[in-house]
Amino acid sequence: MGDKAGLASLQGALEAWDPSVRGAAIGALAKMPDRSSTGPLIKVLEREDEAVQNRAAALEALGLMANEAALSVL
């Protein structure tokens, strides 16, 4: 829906124990890029136990954020 009011909940879901929940949150955040999502997406990449597909999706989402912090990771 693109409702930015849900960003905090989606960003919080990036810390869920289930990788599929994190993946769904990453996908949703990519559909409504917002600079406030950059930090939480970077934390996904820093997880040692993160699934490869979630890492790839997080990198793609960071590319959509269009800010310097995201670019430094990419």
Protein backbone atom coordinates (compact mmCIF):
# COMPACT_ATOMS: atom_id res chain seq x y z
CA MET A 1 0.00 0.00 0.00
CA GLY A 2 2.98 2.30 0.43
CA ASP A 3 1.80 3.60 3.81
CA LYS A 4 4.93 4.99 5.45
CA ALA A 5 3.25 4.66 8.86
CA GLY A 6 4.11 0.96 8.68
CA LEU A 7 7.86 1.51 8.25
CA ALA A 8 8.69 1.10 11.94
CA SER A 9 6.86 -2.24 12.09
CA LEU A 10 8.56 -3.50 8.94
CA GLN A 11 11.95 -2.36 10.17
CA GLY A 12 11.30 -4.16 13.46
CA ALA A 13 10.41 -7.33 11.55
CA LEU A 14 13.98 -7.38 10.22
CA GLU A 15 14.97 -8.68 13.66
CA ALA A 16 12.52 -11.62 13.61
CA TRP A 17 13.96 -15.07 14.28
CA ASP A 18 12.35 -16.54 11.15
CA PRO A 19 14.30 -15.81 7.94
CA SER A 20 11.12 -15.85 5.85
CA VAL A 21 9.65 -13.06 8.00
CA ARG A 22 12.82 -11.04 7.55
CA GLY A 23 12.68 -11.70 3.80
CA ALA A 24 9.09 -10.52 3.56
CA ALA A 25 9.97 -7.36 5.49
CA ILE A 26 12.94 -6.69 3.20
CA GLY A 27 10.69 -7.07 0.16
CA ALA A 28 8.12 -4.70 1.58
CA LEU A 29 10.75 -2.10 2.48
CA ALA A 30 12.14 -2.28 -1.06
CA LYS A 31 8.70 -1.42 -2.41
CA MET A 32 8.63 1.84 -0.44
CA PRO A 33 12.21 3.08 -0.20
CA ASP A 34 12.86 5.38 2.74
CA ARG A 35 16.19 6.52 4.13
CA SER A 36 15.17 5.46 7.63
CA SER A 37 15.35 1.83 6.45
CA THR A 38 19.04 2.04 5.57
CA GLY A 39 20.38 1.26 9.06
CA PRO A 40 18.07 -1.69 9.70
CA LEU A 41 18.89 -3.16 6.27
CA ILE A 42 22.61 -2.83 6.96
CA LYS A 43 22.08 -4.75 10.21
CA VAL A 44 20.55 -7.58 8.17
CA LEU A 45 23.78 -7.79 6.18
CA GLU A 46 25.80 -7.87 9.42
CA ARG A 47 23.95 -10.94 10.74
CA GLU A 48 26.18 -14.00 10.62
CA ASP A 49 23.18 -16.32 10.34
CA GLU A 50 21.37 -14.45 7.55
CA ALA A 51 20.09 -16.44 4.58
CA VAL A 52 21.82 -15.79 1.26
CA GLN A 53 18.55 -14.78 -0.43
CA ASN A 54 17.85 -12.23 2.33
CA ARG A 55 21.34 -10.78 1.95
CA ALA A 56 20.80 -10.39 -1.79
CA ALA A 57 17.37 -8.81 -1.25
CA ALA A 58 18.80 -6.44 1.38
CA LEU A 59 21.52 -5.32 -1.03
CA GLU A 60 18.92 -4.69 -3.72
CA ALA A 61 16.75 -2.75 -1.27
CA LEU A 62 19.74 -0.67 -0.17
CA GLY A 63 20.31 0.25 -3.80
CA LEU A 64 16.85 1.77 -3.85
CA MET A 65 17.43 3.90 -0.73
CA ALA A 66 19.52 6.47 -2.63
CA ASN A 67 21.63 7.84 0.18
CA GLU A 68 25.31 7.92 1.07
CA ALA A 69 25.10 5.40 3.90
CA ALA A 70 23.59 2.82 1.56
CA LEU A 71 26.11 3.59 -1.17
CA SER A 72 29.03 3.03 1.18
CA VAL A 73 27.81 -0.52 1.81
CA LEU A 74 27.13 -1.24 -1.82
